[in-house]
ModelCIF file with pLDDT and N, C-alpha, C, O atoms, coordinates in Angstrom:
data_MODEL
#
_entry.id   MODEL 
#
_entity.id                         1 
_entity.type                       polymer 
_entity.pdbx_number_of_molecules   1 
#
_entity_poly.entity_id                      1 
_entity_poly.type                           'polypeptide(L)' 
_entity_poly.nstd_linkage                   no 
_entity_poly.nstd_monomer                   no 
_entity_poly.pdbx_seq_one_letter_code       
;(UNK)(UNK)(UNK)(UNK)(UNK)(UNK)(UNK)(UNK)(UNK)(UNK)(UNK)(UNK)(UNK)(UNK)(UNK)(UNK)
(UNK)(UNK)(UNK)(UNK)(UNK)(UNK)(UNK)(UNK)(UNK)(UNK)(UNK)(UNK)(UNK)(UNK)(UNK)(UNK)
(UNK)(UNK)(UNK)(UNK)(UNK)(UNK)(UNK)(UNK)(UNK)(UNK)(UNK)(UNK)(UNK)(UNK)
;
_entity_poly.pdbx_seq_one_letter_code_can   XXXXXXXXXXXXXXXXXXXXXXXXXXXXXXXXXXXXXXXXXXXXXX 
_entity_poly.pdbx_strand_id                 A 
#
loop_
_entity_poly_seq.entity_id 
_entity_poly_seq.num 
_entity_poly_seq.mon_id 
_entity_poly_seq.hetero 
1 1  UNK n 
1 2  UNK n 
1 3  UNK n 
1 4  UNK n 
1 5  UNK n 
1 6  UNK n 
1 7  UNK n 
1 8  UNK n 
1 9  UNK n 
1 10 UNK n 
1 11 UNK n 
1 12 UNK n 
1 13 UNK n 
1 14 UNK n 
1 15 UNK n 
1 16 UNK n 
1 17 UNK n 
1 18 UNK n 
1 19 UNK n 
1 20 UNK n 
1 21 UNK n 
1 22 UNK n 
1 23 UNK n 
1 24 UNK n 
1 25 UNK n 
1 26 UNK n 
1 27 UNK n 
1 28 UNK n 
1 29 UNK n 
1 30 UNK n 
1 31 UNK n 
1 32 UNK n 
1 33 UNK n 
1 34 UNK n 
1 35 UNK n 
1 36 UNK n 
1 37 UNK n 
1 38 UNK n 
1 39 UNK n 
1 40 UNK n 
1 41 UNK n 
1 42 UNK n 
1 43 UNK n 
1 44 UNK n 
1 45 UNK n 
1 46 UNK n 
#
_struct_asym.id          A 
_struct_asym.entity_id   1 
#
loop_
_ma_qa_metric.id 
_ma_qa_metric.mode 
_ma_qa_metric.name 
_ma_qa_metric.software_group_id 
_ma_qa_metric.type 
1 global pLDDT . pLDDT 
2 local  pLDDT . pLDDT 
#
_ma_qa_metric_global.metric_id      1 
_ma_qa_metric_global.metric_value   92.07 
_ma_qa_metric_global.model_id       1 
_ma_qa_metric_global.ordinal_id     1 
#
loop_
_ma_qa_metric_local.label_asym_id 
_ma_qa_metric_local.label_comp_id 
_ma_qa_metric_local.label_seq_id 
_ma_qa_metric_local.metric_id 
_ma_qa_metric_local.metric_value 
_ma_qa_metric_local.model_id 
_ma_qa_metric_local.ordinal_id 
A UNK 1  2 97.00 1 1  
A UNK 2  2 98.00 1 2  
A UNK 3  2 98.00 1 3  
A UNK 4  2 97.00 1 4  
A UNK 5  2 98.00 1 5  
A UNK 6  2 98.00 1 6  
A UNK 7  2 98.00 1 7  
A UNK 8  2 97.00 1 8  
A UNK 9  2 97.00 1 9  
A UNK 10 2 97.00 1 10 
A UNK 11 2 97.00 1 11 
A UNK 12 2 96.00 1 12 
A UNK 13 2 96.00 1 13 
A UNK 14 2 96.00 1 14 
A UNK 15 2 96.00 1 15 
A UNK 16 2 95.00 1 16 
A UNK 17 2 95.00 1 17 
A UNK 18 2 95.00 1 18 
A UNK 19 2 95.00 1 19 
A UNK 20 2 96.00 1 20 
A UNK 21 2 96.00 1 21 
A UNK 22 2 96.00 1 22 
A UNK 23 2 96.00 1 23 
A UNK 24 2 97.00 1 24 
A UNK 25 2 97.00 1 25 
A UNK 26 2 97.00 1 26 
A UNK 27 2 97.00 1 27 
A UNK 28 2 97.00 1 28 
A UNK 29 2 97.00 1 29 
A UNK 30 2 97.00 1 30 
A UNK 31 2 97.00 1 31 
A UNK 32 2 97.00 1 32 
A UNK 33 2 96.00 1 33 
A UNK 34 2 95.00 1 34 
A UNK 35 2 95.00 1 35 
A UNK 36 2 94.00 1 36 
A UNK 37 2 92.00 1 37 
A UNK 38 2 90.00 1 38 
A UNK 39 2 89.00 1 39 
A UNK 40 2 87.00 1 40 
A UNK 41 2 81.00 1 41 
A UNK 42 2 82.00 1 42 
A UNK 43 2 76.00 1 43 
A UNK 44 2 65.00 1 44 
A UNK 45 2 53.00 1 45 
A UNK 46 2 47.00 1 46 
#
loop_
_atom_site.group_PDB 
_atom_site.id 
_atom_site.type_symbol 
_atom_site.label_atom_id 
_atom_site.label_alt_id 
_atom_site.label_comp_id 
_atom_site.label_asym_id 
_atom_site.label_entity_id 
_atom_site.label_seq_id 
_atom_site.pdbx_PDB_ins_code 
_atom_site.Cartn_x 
_atom_site.Cartn_y 
_atom_site.Cartn_z 
_atom_site.occupancy 
_atom_site.B_iso_or_equiv 
_atom_site.pdbx_formal_charge 
_atom_site.auth_seq_id 
_atom_site.auth_comp_id 
_atom_site.auth_asym_id 
_atom_site.auth_atom_id 
_atom_site.pdbx_PDB_model_num 
ATOM 1   N N  . UNK A 1 1  ? 33.677 -15.319 9.218  1.00 97.00 ? 1  UNK A N  1 
ATOM 2   C CA . UNK A 1 1  ? 32.713 -16.273 8.605  1.00 97.00 ? 1  UNK A CA 1 
ATOM 3   C C  . UNK A 1 1  ? 32.158 -17.310 9.731  1.00 97.00 ? 1  UNK A C  1 
ATOM 4   O O  . UNK A 1 1  ? 32.693 -17.439 10.832 1.00 97.00 ? 1  UNK A O  1 
ATOM 5   N N  . UNK A 1 2  ? 31.078 -17.986 9.326  1.00 98.00 ? 2  UNK A N  1 
ATOM 6   C CA . UNK A 1 2  ? 30.501 -18.983 10.313 1.00 98.00 ? 2  UNK A CA 1 
ATOM 7   C C  . UNK A 1 2  ? 31.580 -20.008 10.684 1.00 98.00 ? 2  UNK A C  1 
ATOM 8   O O  . UNK A 1 2  ? 31.687 -20.439 11.832 1.00 98.00 ? 2  UNK A O  1 
ATOM 9   N N  . UNK A 1 3  ? 32.300 -20.349 9.768  1.00 98.00 ? 3  UNK A N  1 
ATOM 10  C CA . UNK A 1 3  ? 33.264 -21.518 9.871  1.00 98.00 ? 3  UNK A CA 1 
ATOM 11  C C  . UNK A 1 3  ? 34.480 -20.950 10.889 1.00 98.00 ? 3  UNK A C  1 
ATOM 12  O O  . UNK A 1 3  ? 34.821 -21.627 11.859 1.00 98.00 ? 3  UNK A O  1 
ATOM 13  N N  . UNK A 1 4  ? 35.005 -19.859 10.636 1.00 97.00 ? 4  UNK A N  1 
ATOM 14  C CA . UNK A 1 4  ? 36.027 -19.286 11.476 1.00 97.00 ? 4  UNK A CA 1 
ATOM 15  C C  . UNK A 1 4  ? 35.594 -19.051 12.968 1.00 97.00 ? 4  UNK A C  1 
ATOM 16  O O  . UNK A 1 4  ? 36.374 -19.172 13.913 1.00 97.00 ? 4  UNK A O  1 
ATOM 17  N N  . UNK A 1 5  ? 34.249 -18.697 13.087 1.00 98.00 ? 5  UNK A N  1 
ATOM 18  C CA . UNK A 1 5  ? 33.800 -18.415 14.451 1.00 98.00 ? 5  UNK A CA 1 
ATOM 19  C C  . UNK A 1 5  ? 33.690 -19.761 14.901 1.00 98.00 ? 5  UNK A C  1 
ATOM 20  O O  . UNK A 1 5  ? 34.274 -19.893 15.977 1.00 98.00 ? 5  UNK A O  1 
ATOM 21  N N  . UNK A 1 6  ? 33.152 -20.834 14.480 1.00 98.00 ? 6  UNK A N  1 
ATOM 22  C CA . UNK A 1 6  ? 33.041 -22.114 15.078 1.00 98.00 ? 6  UNK A CA 1 
ATOM 23  C C  . UNK A 1 6  ? 34.452 -22.783 15.688 1.00 98.00 ? 6  UNK A C  1 
ATOM 24  O O  . UNK A 1 6  ? 34.554 -23.344 16.779 1.00 98.00 ? 6  UNK A O  1 
ATOM 25  N N  . UNK A 1 7  ? 35.474 -22.584 14.735 1.00 98.00 ? 7  UNK A N  1 
ATOM 26  C CA . UNK A 1 7  ? 36.741 -22.895 15.192 1.00 98.00 ? 7  UNK A CA 1 
ATOM 27  C C  . UNK A 1 7  ? 37.268 -22.098 16.368 1.00 98.00 ? 7  UNK A C  1 
ATOM 28  O O  . UNK A 1 7  ? 37.846 -22.612 17.325 1.00 98.00 ? 7  UNK A O  1 
ATOM 29  N N  . UNK A 1 8  ? 37.057 -20.975 16.244 1.00 97.00 ? 8  UNK A N  1 
ATOM 30  C CA . UNK A 1 8  ? 37.676 -20.061 17.258 1.00 97.00 ? 8  UNK A CA 1 
ATOM 31  C C  . UNK A 1 8  ? 36.738 -20.399 18.744 1.00 97.00 ? 8  UNK A C  1 
ATOM 32  O O  . UNK A 1 8  ? 37.279 -20.300 19.845 1.00 97.00 ? 8  UNK A O  1 
ATOM 33  N N  . UNK A 1 9  ? 35.554 -20.727 18.619 1.00 97.00 ? 9  UNK A N  1 
ATOM 34  C CA . UNK A 1 9  ? 34.774 -21.054 19.950 1.00 97.00 ? 9  UNK A CA 1 
ATOM 35  C C  . UNK A 1 9  ? 35.237 -22.295 20.442 1.00 97.00 ? 9  UNK A C  1 
ATOM 36  O O  . UNK A 1 9  ? 35.327 -22.493 21.653 1.00 97.00 ? 9  UNK A O  1 
ATOM 37  N N  . UNK A 1 10 ? 35.593 -23.304 19.444 1.00 97.00 ? 10 UNK A N  1 
ATOM 38  C CA . UNK A 1 10 ? 36.122 -24.579 20.076 1.00 97.00 ? 10 UNK A CA 1 
ATOM 39  C C  . UNK A 1 10 ? 37.272 -24.348 20.688 1.00 97.00 ? 10 UNK A C  1 
ATOM 40  O O  . UNK A 1 10 ? 37.419 -24.929 21.764 1.00 97.00 ? 10 UNK A O  1 
ATOM 41  N N  . UNK A 1 11 ? 38.364 -23.484 20.215 1.00 97.00 ? 11 UNK A N  1 
ATOM 42  C CA . UNK A 1 11 ? 39.530 -23.296 20.817 1.00 97.00 ? 11 UNK A CA 1 
ATOM 43  C C  . UNK A 1 11 ? 39.305 -22.624 22.283 1.00 97.00 ? 11 UNK A C  1 
ATOM 44  O O  . UNK A 1 11 ? 40.097 -22.804 23.207 1.00 97.00 ? 11 UNK A O  1 
ATOM 45  N N  . UNK A 1 12 ? 38.160 -21.848 22.382 1.00 96.00 ? 12 UNK A N  1 
ATOM 46  C CA . UNK A 1 12 ? 37.784 -21.173 23.605 1.00 96.00 ? 12 UNK A CA 1 
ATOM 47  C C  . UNK A 1 12 ? 37.659 -22.287 24.610 1.00 96.00 ? 12 UNK A C  1 
ATOM 48  O O  . UNK A 1 12 ? 38.234 -22.273 25.698 1.00 96.00 ? 12 UNK A O  1 
ATOM 49  N N  . UNK A 1 13 ? 36.819 -23.322 24.150 1.00 96.00 ? 13 UNK A N  1 
ATOM 50  C CA . UNK A 1 13 ? 36.280 -24.343 24.892 1.00 96.00 ? 13 UNK A CA 1 
ATOM 51  C C  . UNK A 1 13 ? 37.507 -25.215 25.263 1.00 96.00 ? 13 UNK A C  1 
ATOM 52  O O  . UNK A 1 13 ? 37.617 -25.683 26.397 1.00 96.00 ? 13 UNK A O  1 
ATOM 53  N N  . UNK A 1 14 ? 38.377 -25.414 24.343 1.00 96.00 ? 14 UNK A N  1 
ATOM 54  C CA . UNK A 1 14 ? 39.493 -26.409 24.669 1.00 96.00 ? 14 UNK A CA 1 
ATOM 55  C C  . UNK A 1 14 ? 40.575 -25.798 25.671 1.00 96.00 ? 14 UNK A C  1 
ATOM 56  O O  . UNK A 1 14 ? 41.348 -26.443 26.379 1.00 96.00 ? 14 UNK A O  1 
ATOM 57  N N  . UNK A 1 15 ? 40.454 -24.377 25.572 1.00 96.00 ? 15 UNK A N  1 
ATOM 58  C CA . UNK A 1 15 ? 41.478 -23.769 26.617 1.00 96.00 ? 15 UNK A CA 1 
ATOM 59  C C  . UNK A 1 15 ? 40.832 -23.156 27.975 1.00 96.00 ? 15 UNK A C  1 
ATOM 60  O O  . UNK A 1 15 ? 41.340 -22.317 28.720 1.00 96.00 ? 15 UNK A O  1 
ATOM 61  N N  . UNK A 1 16 ? 39.591 -23.793 28.092 1.00 95.00 ? 16 UNK A N  1 
ATOM 62  C CA . UNK A 1 16 ? 38.829 -23.395 29.321 1.00 95.00 ? 16 UNK A CA 1 
ATOM 63  C C  . UNK A 1 16 ? 38.649 -21.837 29.542 1.00 95.00 ? 16 UNK A C  1 
ATOM 64  O O  . UNK A 1 16 ? 38.723 -21.264 30.629 1.00 95.00 ? 16 UNK A O  1 
ATOM 65  N N  . UNK A 1 17 ? 38.382 -21.223 28.231 1.00 95.00 ? 17 UNK A N  1 
ATOM 66  C CA . UNK A 1 17 ? 38.252 -19.766 28.222 1.00 95.00 ? 17 UNK A CA 1 
ATOM 67  C C  . UNK A 1 17 ? 36.754 -19.344 28.175 1.00 95.00 ? 17 UNK A C  1 
ATOM 68  O O  . UNK A 1 17 ? 36.449 -18.208 27.811 1.00 95.00 ? 17 UNK A O  1 
ATOM 69  N N  . UNK A 1 18 ? 35.770 -20.313 28.564 1.00 95.00 ? 18 UNK A N  1 
ATOM 70  C CA . UNK A 1 18 ? 34.381 -20.004 28.500 1.00 95.00 ? 18 UNK A CA 1 
ATOM 71  C C  . UNK A 1 18 ? 33.895 -19.816 30.078 1.00 95.00 ? 18 UNK A C  1 
ATOM 72  O O  . UNK A 1 18 ? 34.406 -20.474 30.984 1.00 95.00 ? 18 UNK A O  1 
ATOM 73  N N  . UNK A 1 19 ? 33.016 -18.996 30.258 1.00 95.00 ? 19 UNK A N  1 
ATOM 74  C CA . UNK A 1 19 ? 32.199 -18.173 29.235 1.00 95.00 ? 19 UNK A CA 1 
ATOM 75  C C  . UNK A 1 19 ? 32.809 -16.790 28.971 1.00 95.00 ? 19 UNK A C  1 
ATOM 76  O O  . UNK A 1 19 ? 32.257 -16.013 28.192 1.00 95.00 ? 19 UNK A O  1 
ATOM 77  N N  . UNK A 1 20 ? 33.873 -16.496 29.574 1.00 96.00 ? 20 UNK A N  1 
ATOM 78  C CA . UNK A 1 20 ? 34.568 -15.078 29.442 1.00 96.00 ? 20 UNK A CA 1 
ATOM 79  C C  . UNK A 1 20 ? 34.906 -14.721 28.039 1.00 96.00 ? 20 UNK A C  1 
ATOM 80  O O  . UNK A 1 20 ? 34.704 -13.613 27.541 1.00 96.00 ? 20 UNK A O  1 
ATOM 81  N N  . UNK A 1 21 ? 35.479 -15.831 27.390 1.00 96.00 ? 21 UNK A N  1 
ATOM 82  C CA . UNK A 1 21 ? 35.851 -15.540 25.945 1.00 96.00 ? 21 UNK A CA 1 
ATOM 83  C C  . UNK A 1 21 ? 34.618 -15.432 25.063 1.00 96.00 ? 21 UNK A C  1 
ATOM 84  O O  . UNK A 1 21 ? 34.646 -14.780 24.019 1.00 96.00 ? 21 UNK A O  1 
ATOM 85  N N  . UNK A 1 22 ? 33.623 -16.023 25.453 1.00 96.00 ? 22 UNK A N  1 
ATOM 86  C CA . UNK A 1 22 ? 32.326 -15.843 24.427 1.00 96.00 ? 22 UNK A CA 1 
ATOM 87  C C  . UNK A 1 22 ? 31.724 -14.476 24.779 1.00 96.00 ? 22 UNK A C  1 
ATOM 88  O O  . UNK A 1 22 ? 31.280 -13.809 23.845 1.00 96.00 ? 22 UNK A O  1 
ATOM 89  N N  . UNK A 1 23 ? 31.664 -14.007 25.976 1.00 96.00 ? 23 UNK A N  1 
ATOM 90  C CA . UNK A 1 23 ? 31.207 -12.660 26.256 1.00 96.00 ? 23 UNK A CA 1 
ATOM 91  C C  . UNK A 1 23 ? 32.017 -11.626 25.596 1.00 96.00 ? 23 UNK A C  1 
ATOM 92  O O  . UNK A 1 23 ? 31.418 -10.677 25.090 1.00 96.00 ? 23 UNK A O  1 
ATOM 93  N N  . UNK A 1 24 ? 33.379 -11.686 25.531 1.00 97.00 ? 24 UNK A N  1 
ATOM 94  C CA . UNK A 1 24 ? 34.304 -10.797 25.005 1.00 97.00 ? 24 UNK A CA 1 
ATOM 95  C C  . UNK A 1 24 ? 33.930 -10.809 23.515 1.00 97.00 ? 24 UNK A C  1 
ATOM 96  O O  . UNK A 1 24 ? 33.676 -9.784  22.882 1.00 97.00 ? 24 UNK A O  1 
ATOM 97  N N  . UNK A 1 25 ? 33.917 -12.028 23.014 1.00 97.00 ? 25 UNK A N  1 
ATOM 98  C CA . UNK A 1 25 ? 33.558 -12.109 21.419 1.00 97.00 ? 25 UNK A CA 1 
ATOM 99  C C  . UNK A 1 25 ? 32.254 -11.511 21.101 1.00 97.00 ? 25 UNK A C  1 
ATOM 100 O O  . UNK A 1 25 ? 32.073 -10.777 20.130 1.00 97.00 ? 25 UNK A O  1 
ATOM 101 N N  . UNK A 1 26 ? 31.415 -11.822 21.889 1.00 97.00 ? 26 UNK A N  1 
ATOM 102 C CA . UNK A 1 26 ? 29.907 -11.242 21.528 1.00 97.00 ? 26 UNK A CA 1 
ATOM 103 C C  . UNK A 1 26 ? 29.917 -9.695  21.716 1.00 97.00 ? 26 UNK A C  1 
ATOM 104 O O  . UNK A 1 26 ? 29.210 -9.044  20.947 1.00 97.00 ? 26 UNK A O  1 
ATOM 105 N N  . UNK A 1 27 ? 30.650 -9.041  22.666 1.00 97.00 ? 27 UNK A N  1 
ATOM 106 C CA . UNK A 1 27 ? 30.675 -7.724  22.861 1.00 97.00 ? 27 UNK A CA 1 
ATOM 107 C C  . UNK A 1 27 ? 31.459 -7.090  21.590 1.00 97.00 ? 27 UNK A C  1 
ATOM 108 O O  . UNK A 1 27 ? 31.010 -6.105  21.003 1.00 97.00 ? 27 UNK A O  1 
ATOM 109 N N  . UNK A 1 28 ? 32.616 -7.705  21.227 1.00 97.00 ? 28 UNK A N  1 
ATOM 110 C CA . UNK A 1 28 ? 33.400 -7.147  20.208 1.00 97.00 ? 28 UNK A CA 1 
ATOM 111 C C  . UNK A 1 28 ? 32.656 -7.077  18.936 1.00 97.00 ? 28 UNK A C  1 
ATOM 112 O O  . UNK A 1 28 ? 32.530 -6.053  18.265 1.00 97.00 ? 28 UNK A O  1 
ATOM 113 N N  . UNK A 1 29 ? 32.160 -8.265  18.646 1.00 97.00 ? 29 UNK A N  1 
ATOM 114 C CA . UNK A 1 29 ? 31.403 -8.344  17.273 1.00 97.00 ? 29 UNK A CA 1 
ATOM 115 C C  . UNK A 1 29 ? 30.106 -7.472  17.205 1.00 97.00 ? 29 UNK A C  1 
ATOM 116 O O  . UNK A 1 29 ? 29.719 -6.852  16.214 1.00 97.00 ? 29 UNK A O  1 
ATOM 117 N N  . UNK A 1 30 ? 29.523 -7.531  18.389 1.00 97.00 ? 30 UNK A N  1 
ATOM 118 C CA . UNK A 1 30 ? 28.134 -6.810  18.438 1.00 97.00 ? 30 UNK A CA 1 
ATOM 119 C C  . UNK A 1 30 ? 28.424 -5.246  18.101 1.00 97.00 ? 30 UNK A C  1 
ATOM 120 O O  . UNK A 1 30 ? 27.773 -4.661  17.236 1.00 97.00 ? 30 UNK A O  1 
ATOM 121 N N  . UNK A 1 31 ? 29.516 -4.578  18.900 1.00 97.00 ? 31 UNK A N  1 
ATOM 122 C CA . UNK A 1 31 ? 29.888 -3.251  18.695 1.00 97.00 ? 31 UNK A CA 1 
ATOM 123 C C  . UNK A 1 31 ? 30.326 -2.958  17.330 1.00 97.00 ? 31 UNK A C  1 
ATOM 124 O O  . UNK A 1 31 ? 30.014 -1.891  16.801 1.00 97.00 ? 31 UNK A O  1 
ATOM 125 N N  . UNK A 1 32 ? 31.063 -3.881  16.698 1.00 97.00 ? 32 UNK A N  1 
ATOM 126 C CA . UNK A 1 32 ? 31.541 -3.656  15.417 1.00 97.00 ? 32 UNK A CA 1 
ATOM 127 C C  . UNK A 1 32 ? 30.488 -3.760  14.458 1.00 97.00 ? 32 UNK A C  1 
ATOM 128 O O  . UNK A 1 32 ? 30.459 -2.893  13.585 1.00 97.00 ? 32 UNK A O  1 
ATOM 129 N N  . UNK A 1 33 ? 29.495 -4.779  14.452 1.00 96.00 ? 33 UNK A N  1 
ATOM 130 C CA . UNK A 1 33 ? 28.579 -4.896  13.601 1.00 96.00 ? 33 UNK A CA 1 
ATOM 131 C C  . UNK A 1 33 ? 27.511 -3.594  13.427 1.00 96.00 ? 33 UNK A C  1 
ATOM 132 O O  . UNK A 1 33 ? 27.167 -3.022  12.392 1.00 96.00 ? 33 UNK A O  1 
ATOM 133 N N  . UNK A 1 34 ? 27.146 -3.358  14.731 1.00 95.00 ? 34 UNK A N  1 
ATOM 134 C CA . UNK A 1 34 ? 26.309 -2.223  14.930 1.00 95.00 ? 34 UNK A CA 1 
ATOM 135 C C  . UNK A 1 34 ? 26.768 -0.974  14.529 1.00 95.00 ? 34 UNK A C  1 
ATOM 136 O O  . UNK A 1 34 ? 25.992 -0.213  13.951 1.00 95.00 ? 34 UNK A O  1 
ATOM 137 N N  . UNK A 1 35 ? 28.062 -0.613  14.783 1.00 95.00 ? 35 UNK A N  1 
ATOM 138 C CA . UNK A 1 35 ? 28.928 0.663   14.489 1.00 95.00 ? 35 UNK A CA 1 
ATOM 139 C C  . UNK A 1 35 ? 28.994 0.758   13.138 1.00 95.00 ? 35 UNK A C  1 
ATOM 140 O O  . UNK A 1 35 ? 28.653 1.824   12.626 1.00 95.00 ? 35 UNK A O  1 
ATOM 141 N N  . UNK A 1 36 ? 29.448 -0.346  12.299 1.00 94.00 ? 36 UNK A N  1 
ATOM 142 C CA . UNK A 1 36 ? 29.500 -0.081  10.876 1.00 94.00 ? 36 UNK A CA 1 
ATOM 143 C C  . UNK A 1 36 ? 28.247 0.001   10.197 1.00 94.00 ? 36 UNK A C  1 
ATOM 144 O O  . UNK A 1 36 ? 28.133 0.717   9.203  1.00 94.00 ? 36 UNK A O  1 
ATOM 145 N N  . UNK A 1 37 ? 27.164 -0.767  10.712 1.00 92.00 ? 37 UNK A N  1 
ATOM 146 C CA . UNK A 1 37 ? 25.919 -0.619  9.994  1.00 92.00 ? 37 UNK A CA 1 
ATOM 147 C C  . UNK A 1 37 ? 25.320 0.713   10.135 1.00 92.00 ? 37 UNK A C  1 
ATOM 148 O O  . UNK A 1 37 ? 24.757 1.286   9.202  1.00 92.00 ? 37 UNK A O  1 
ATOM 149 N N  . UNK A 1 38 ? 25.468 1.265   11.481 1.00 90.00 ? 38 UNK A N  1 
ATOM 150 C CA . UNK A 1 38 ? 24.956 2.614   11.738 1.00 90.00 ? 38 UNK A CA 1 
ATOM 151 C C  . UNK A 1 38 ? 25.650 3.719   10.857 1.00 90.00 ? 38 UNK A C  1 
ATOM 152 O O  . UNK A 1 38 ? 25.013 4.635   10.335 1.00 90.00 ? 38 UNK A O  1 
ATOM 153 N N  . UNK A 1 39 ? 26.870 3.572   10.748 1.00 89.00 ? 39 UNK A N  1 
ATOM 154 C CA . UNK A 1 39 ? 27.809 4.568   9.933  1.00 89.00 ? 39 UNK A CA 1 
ATOM 155 C C  . UNK A 1 39 ? 27.364 4.484   8.460  1.00 89.00 ? 39 UNK A C  1 
ATOM 156 O O  . UNK A 1 39 ? 27.221 5.474   7.743  1.00 89.00 ? 39 UNK A O  1 
ATOM 157 N N  . UNK A 1 40 ? 27.127 3.013   8.019  1.00 87.00 ? 40 UNK A N  1 
ATOM 158 C CA . UNK A 1 40 ? 26.750 3.075   6.631  1.00 87.00 ? 40 UNK A CA 1 
ATOM 159 C C  . UNK A 1 40 ? 25.387 3.653   6.268  1.00 87.00 ? 40 UNK A C  1 
ATOM 160 O O  . UNK A 1 40 ? 25.132 4.268   5.233  1.00 87.00 ? 40 UNK A O  1 
ATOM 161 N N  . UNK A 1 41 ? 24.480 3.347   7.342  1.00 81.00 ? 41 UNK A N  1 
ATOM 162 C CA . UNK A 1 41 ? 23.074 3.999   6.849  1.00 81.00 ? 41 UNK A CA 1 
ATOM 163 C C  . UNK A 1 41 ? 23.039 5.306   7.069  1.00 81.00 ? 41 UNK A C  1 
ATOM 164 O O  . UNK A 1 41 ? 22.182 5.948   6.462  1.00 81.00 ? 41 UNK A O  1 
ATOM 165 N N  . UNK A 1 42 ? 23.886 5.949   7.913  1.00 82.00 ? 42 UNK A N  1 
ATOM 166 C CA . UNK A 1 42 ? 23.844 7.540   8.090  1.00 82.00 ? 42 UNK A CA 1 
ATOM 167 C C  . UNK A 1 42 ? 24.527 8.085   6.808  1.00 82.00 ? 42 UNK A C  1 
ATOM 168 O O  . UNK A 1 42 ? 24.163 9.187   6.400  1.00 82.00 ? 42 UNK A O  1 
ATOM 169 N N  . UNK A 1 43 ? 25.514 7.381   6.124  1.00 76.00 ? 43 UNK A N  1 
ATOM 170 C CA . UNK A 1 43 ? 25.997 7.908   5.020  1.00 76.00 ? 43 UNK A CA 1 
ATOM 171 C C  . UNK A 1 43 ? 25.259 7.695   3.643  1.00 76.00 ? 43 UNK A C  1 
ATOM 172 O O  . UNK A 1 43 ? 25.615 8.174   2.567  1.00 76.00 ? 43 UNK A O  1 
ATOM 173 N N  . UNK A 1 44 ? 24.077 6.821   3.891  1.00 65.00 ? 44 UNK A N  1 
ATOM 174 C CA . UNK A 1 44 ? 23.320 6.470   2.642  1.00 65.00 ? 44 UNK A CA 1 
ATOM 175 C C  . UNK A 1 44 ? 22.558 7.752   2.143  1.00 65.00 ? 44 UNK A C  1 
ATOM 176 O O  . UNK A 1 44 ? 21.764 8.372   2.850  1.00 65.00 ? 44 UNK A O  1 
ATOM 177 N N  . UNK A 1 45 ? 22.883 8.084   0.855  1.00 53.00 ? 45 UNK A N  1 
ATOM 178 C CA . UNK A 1 45 ? 22.261 9.071   0.154  1.00 53.00 ? 45 UNK A CA 1 
ATOM 179 C C  . UNK A 1 45 ? 20.672 8.845   0.055  1.00 53.00 ? 45 UNK A C  1 
ATOM 180 O O  . UNK A 1 45 ? 20.240 7.785   -0.398 1.00 53.00 ? 45 UNK A O  1 
ATOM 181 N N  . UNK A 1 46 ? 19.896 9.772   0.448  1.00 47.00 ? 46 UNK A N  1 
ATOM 182 C CA . UNK A 1 46 ? 18.455 9.663   0.399  1.00 47.00 ? 46 UNK A CA 1 
ATOM 183 C C  . UNK A 1 46 ? 18.033 9.663   -0.970 1.00 47.00 ? 46 UNK A C  1 
ATOM 184 O O  . UNK A 1 46 ? 16.836 9.578   -1.247 1.00 47.00 ? 46 UNK A O  1 
#
């Protein structure tokens, strides 16, 4: 959720894990969102 992501990013900031932590989060979420969406649309009954 937007709220959980904001808290997680502040934790990355507070622990000096930027920018690597943000790049990792972006890659993980991007792959997850795109893969699930593609699988869902492929299984959609025409």
